[in-house]
Amino acid sequence: MSQQYEKVPVKCTDNGIVNEAEVEYYKPRDTLTVWLANQKLTFKPGGLSGNTWVASAYGLEFTTVTPKEIG
């Protein structure tokens, strides 16, 4: 059975807009894939805290936090 996660806030660092995204896949300290407005974004770990994830798409940079598991 696959794990489920709460939605995560995704911030575009270029314009400051924040939206919630559905988590599709999460592998700790490796990959986080989310769906935002029918677009798939793949994040990689960023920063030293281990809680920040960074993705680039469409000429923009996006950040989010580590998802929390439901249940």
N, C-alpha and C. Protein backbone atom coordinates (compact mmCIF):
# COMPACT_ATOMS: atom_id res chain seq x y z
N MET A 1 0.84 -1.18 0.00
CA MET A 1 0.00 0.00 0.00
C MET A 1 0.89 1.25 0.00
N SER A 2 0.61 2.17 -0.89
CA SER A 2 1.43 3.37 -0.98
C SER A 2 1.07 4.35 0.13
N GLN A 3 2.05 5.12 0.52
CA GLN A 3 1.83 6.10 1.58
C GLN A 3 1.17 7.34 1.01
N GLN A 4 0.40 8.01 1.84
CA GLN A 4 -0.26 9.24 1.43
C GLN A 4 0.30 10.39 2.25
N TYR A 5 0.33 11.57 1.63
CA TYR A 5 0.91 12.73 2.27
C TYR A 5 -0.04 13.92 2.18
N GLU A 6 0.08 14.82 3.14
CA GLU A 6 -0.68 16.06 3.11
C GLU A 6 -0.22 16.89 1.91
N LYS A 7 -1.07 17.78 1.44
CA LYS A 7 -0.67 18.70 0.38
C LYS A 7 0.46 19.57 0.91
N VAL A 8 1.33 20.01 0.01
CA VAL A 8 2.46 20.85 0.40
C VAL A 8 2.33 22.23 -0.25
N PRO A 9 2.79 23.28 0.43
CA PRO A 9 2.79 24.61 -0.18
C PRO A 9 3.98 24.72 -1.14
N VAL A 10 3.73 25.13 -2.36
CA VAL A 10 4.80 25.33 -3.34
C VAL A 10 4.88 26.81 -3.65
N LYS A 11 6.08 27.37 -3.45
CA LYS A 11 6.29 28.80 -3.67
C LYS A 11 7.16 29.02 -4.90
N CYS A 12 6.71 29.90 -5.78
CA CYS A 12 7.54 30.32 -6.91
C CYS A 12 8.44 31.44 -6.38
N THR A 13 9.74 31.20 -6.33
CA THR A 13 10.64 32.20 -5.76
C THR A 13 10.82 33.40 -6.68
N ASP A 14 10.41 33.29 -7.94
CA ASP A 14 10.55 34.39 -8.87
C ASP A 14 9.45 35.45 -8.71
N ASN A 15 8.24 35.00 -8.30
CA ASN A 15 7.14 35.96 -8.16
C ASN A 15 6.45 35.93 -6.80
N GLY A 16 6.84 35.00 -5.92
CA GLY A 16 6.30 34.95 -4.56
C GLY A 16 4.95 34.28 -4.42
N ILE A 17 4.38 33.78 -5.50
CA ILE A 17 3.07 33.13 -5.43
C ILE A 17 3.20 31.75 -4.80
N VAL A 18 2.27 31.45 -3.87
CA VAL A 18 2.26 30.16 -3.17
C VAL A 18 0.95 29.44 -3.48
N ASN A 19 1.05 28.17 -3.85
CA ASN A 19 -0.12 27.32 -4.11
C ASN A 19 0.10 25.97 -3.46
N GLU A 20 -1.00 25.26 -3.18
CA GLU A 20 -0.90 23.92 -2.63
C GLU A 20 -0.77 22.91 -3.75
N ALA A 21 0.00 21.85 -3.51
CA ALA A 21 0.21 20.81 -4.52
C ALA A 21 0.00 19.43 -3.90
N GLU A 22 -0.45 18.50 -4.73
CA GLU A 22 -0.63 17.11 -4.33
C GLU A 22 0.70 16.37 -4.48
N VAL A 23 1.05 15.59 -3.47
CA VAL A 23 2.29 14.80 -3.52
C VAL A 23 2.01 13.50 -4.28
N GLU A 24 2.81 13.24 -5.32
CA GLU A 24 2.68 12.00 -6.07
C GLU A 24 3.68 10.95 -5.58
N TYR A 25 4.92 11.39 -5.32
CA TYR A 25 5.98 10.47 -4.92
C TYR A 25 6.94 11.19 -3.99
N TYR A 26 7.39 10.47 -2.97
CA TYR A 26 8.37 11.05 -2.04
C TYR A 26 9.35 9.97 -1.61
N LYS A 27 10.63 10.24 -1.82
CA LYS A 27 11.71 9.39 -1.33
C LYS A 27 12.61 10.29 -0.50
N PRO A 28 12.64 10.10 0.82
CA PRO A 28 13.41 10.99 1.70
C PRO A 28 14.84 11.21 1.23
N ARG A 29 15.26 12.48 1.30
CA ARG A 29 16.61 12.92 0.95
C ARG A 29 16.99 12.64 -0.50
N ASP A 30 15.97 12.40 -1.38
CA ASP A 30 16.27 12.08 -2.77
C ASP A 30 15.36 12.81 -3.76
N THR A 31 14.07 12.49 -3.75
CA THR A 31 13.14 13.03 -4.75
C THR A 31 11.77 13.29 -4.15
N LEU A 32 11.16 14.38 -4.58
CA LEU A 32 9.78 14.72 -4.21
C LEU A 32 9.10 15.18 -5.49
N THR A 33 8.03 14.47 -5.89
CA THR A 33 7.29 14.81 -7.10
C THR A 33 5.88 15.23 -6.71
N VAL A 34 5.46 16.39 -7.22
CA VAL A 34 4.13 16.91 -6.90
C VAL A 34 3.40 17.32 -8.18
N TRP A 35 2.08 17.45 -8.07
CA TRP A 35 1.24 17.98 -9.14
C TRP A 35 0.74 19.34 -8.72
N LEU A 36 0.99 20.33 -9.56
CA LEU A 36 0.57 21.71 -9.31
C LEU A 36 -0.09 22.23 -10.58
N ALA A 37 -1.39 22.51 -10.50
CA ALA A 37 -2.14 23.04 -11.65
C ALA A 37 -1.91 22.18 -12.90
N ASN A 38 -2.10 20.86 -12.75
CA ASN A 38 -1.94 19.90 -13.84
C ASN A 38 -0.54 19.84 -14.42
N GLN A 39 0.45 20.29 -13.68
CA GLN A 39 1.85 20.22 -14.10
C GLN A 39 2.64 19.44 -13.05
N LYS A 40 3.47 18.53 -13.51
CA LYS A 40 4.30 17.75 -12.60
C LYS A 40 5.61 18.48 -12.35
N LEU A 41 5.96 18.62 -11.07
CA LEU A 41 7.23 19.23 -10.68
C LEU A 41 8.02 18.20 -9.88
N THR A 42 9.30 18.03 -10.21
CA THR A 42 10.17 17.11 -9.48
C THR A 42 11.20 17.93 -8.71
N PHE A 43 11.18 17.77 -7.39
CA PHE A 43 12.06 18.52 -6.49
C PHE A 43 13.23 17.66 -6.04
N LYS A 44 14.34 18.34 -5.79
CA LYS A 44 15.53 17.73 -5.20
C LYS A 44 15.82 18.45 -3.88
N PRO A 45 16.51 17.79 -2.94
CA PRO A 45 16.83 18.45 -1.68
C PRO A 45 17.62 19.73 -1.90
N GLY A 46 17.32 20.74 -1.11
CA GLY A 46 18.04 22.00 -1.18
C GLY A 46 18.24 22.56 0.22
N GLY A 47 19.34 23.19 0.46
CA GLY A 47 19.60 23.74 1.79
C GLY A 47 20.15 22.71 2.74
N LEU A 48 20.64 23.20 3.86
CA LEU A 48 21.27 22.33 4.84
C LEU A 48 20.30 21.74 5.85
N SER A 49 19.11 22.32 5.98
CA SER A 49 18.16 21.87 7.00
C SER A 49 17.55 20.52 6.67
N GLY A 50 17.54 20.15 5.38
CA GLY A 50 16.93 18.89 4.98
C GLY A 50 15.43 18.99 4.84
N ASN A 51 14.85 20.15 5.11
CA ASN A 51 13.41 20.34 5.03
C ASN A 51 13.00 21.14 3.80
N THR A 52 13.96 21.65 3.05
CA THR A 52 13.67 22.47 1.88
C THR A 52 13.95 21.70 0.60
N TRP A 53 13.04 21.80 -0.37
CA TRP A 53 13.16 21.13 -1.66
C TRP A 53 13.09 22.18 -2.76
N VAL A 54 13.85 21.98 -3.84
CA VAL A 54 13.94 22.97 -4.92
C VAL A 54 13.69 22.30 -6.27
N ALA A 55 12.92 22.99 -7.13
CA ALA A 55 12.67 22.51 -8.49
C ALA A 55 12.75 23.68 -9.45
N SER A 56 13.11 23.39 -10.69
CA SER A 56 13.11 24.39 -11.75
C SER A 56 12.23 23.89 -12.88
N ALA A 57 11.37 24.77 -13.39
CA ALA A 57 10.50 24.41 -14.51
C ALA A 57 10.02 25.69 -15.17
N TYR A 58 9.92 25.66 -16.49
CA TYR A 58 9.36 26.79 -17.25
C TYR A 58 10.13 28.08 -17.00
N GLY A 59 11.43 27.97 -16.73
CA GLY A 59 12.24 29.15 -16.47
C GLY A 59 12.04 29.76 -15.10
N LEU A 60 11.35 29.04 -14.21
CA LEU A 60 11.07 29.53 -12.85
C LEU A 60 11.64 28.57 -11.82
N GLU A 61 11.88 29.08 -10.61
CA GLU A 61 12.34 28.24 -9.51
C GLU A 61 11.22 28.11 -8.49
N PHE A 62 11.07 26.89 -7.97
CA PHE A 62 10.03 26.60 -6.98
C PHE A 62 10.66 25.97 -5.74
N THR A 63 10.08 26.26 -4.58
CA THR A 63 10.53 25.63 -3.33
C THR A 63 9.32 25.08 -2.59
N THR A 64 9.59 24.07 -1.77
CA THR A 64 8.56 23.51 -0.91
C THR A 64 9.24 22.89 0.32
N VAL A 65 8.44 22.27 1.17
CA VAL A 65 8.95 21.64 2.39
C VAL A 65 8.71 20.15 2.33
N THR A 66 9.35 19.40 3.21
CA THR A 66 9.16 17.95 3.29
C THR A 66 7.70 17.65 3.64
N PRO A 67 7.06 16.75 2.89
CA PRO A 67 5.64 16.44 3.15
C PRO A 67 5.47 15.64 4.44
N LYS A 68 4.29 15.82 5.04
CA LYS A 68 3.94 15.05 6.24
C LYS A 68 3.03 13.90 5.85
N GLU A 69 3.33 12.73 6.38
CA GLU A 69 2.55 11.55 6.08
C GLU A 69 1.18 11.61 6.76
N ILE A 70 0.16 11.16 6.06
CA ILE A 70 -1.19 11.09 6.63
C ILE A 70 -1.34 9.74 7.31
N GLY A 71 -1.83 9.77 8.54
CA GLY A 71 -2.10 8.53 9.25
C GLY A 71 -0.97 8.14 10.07
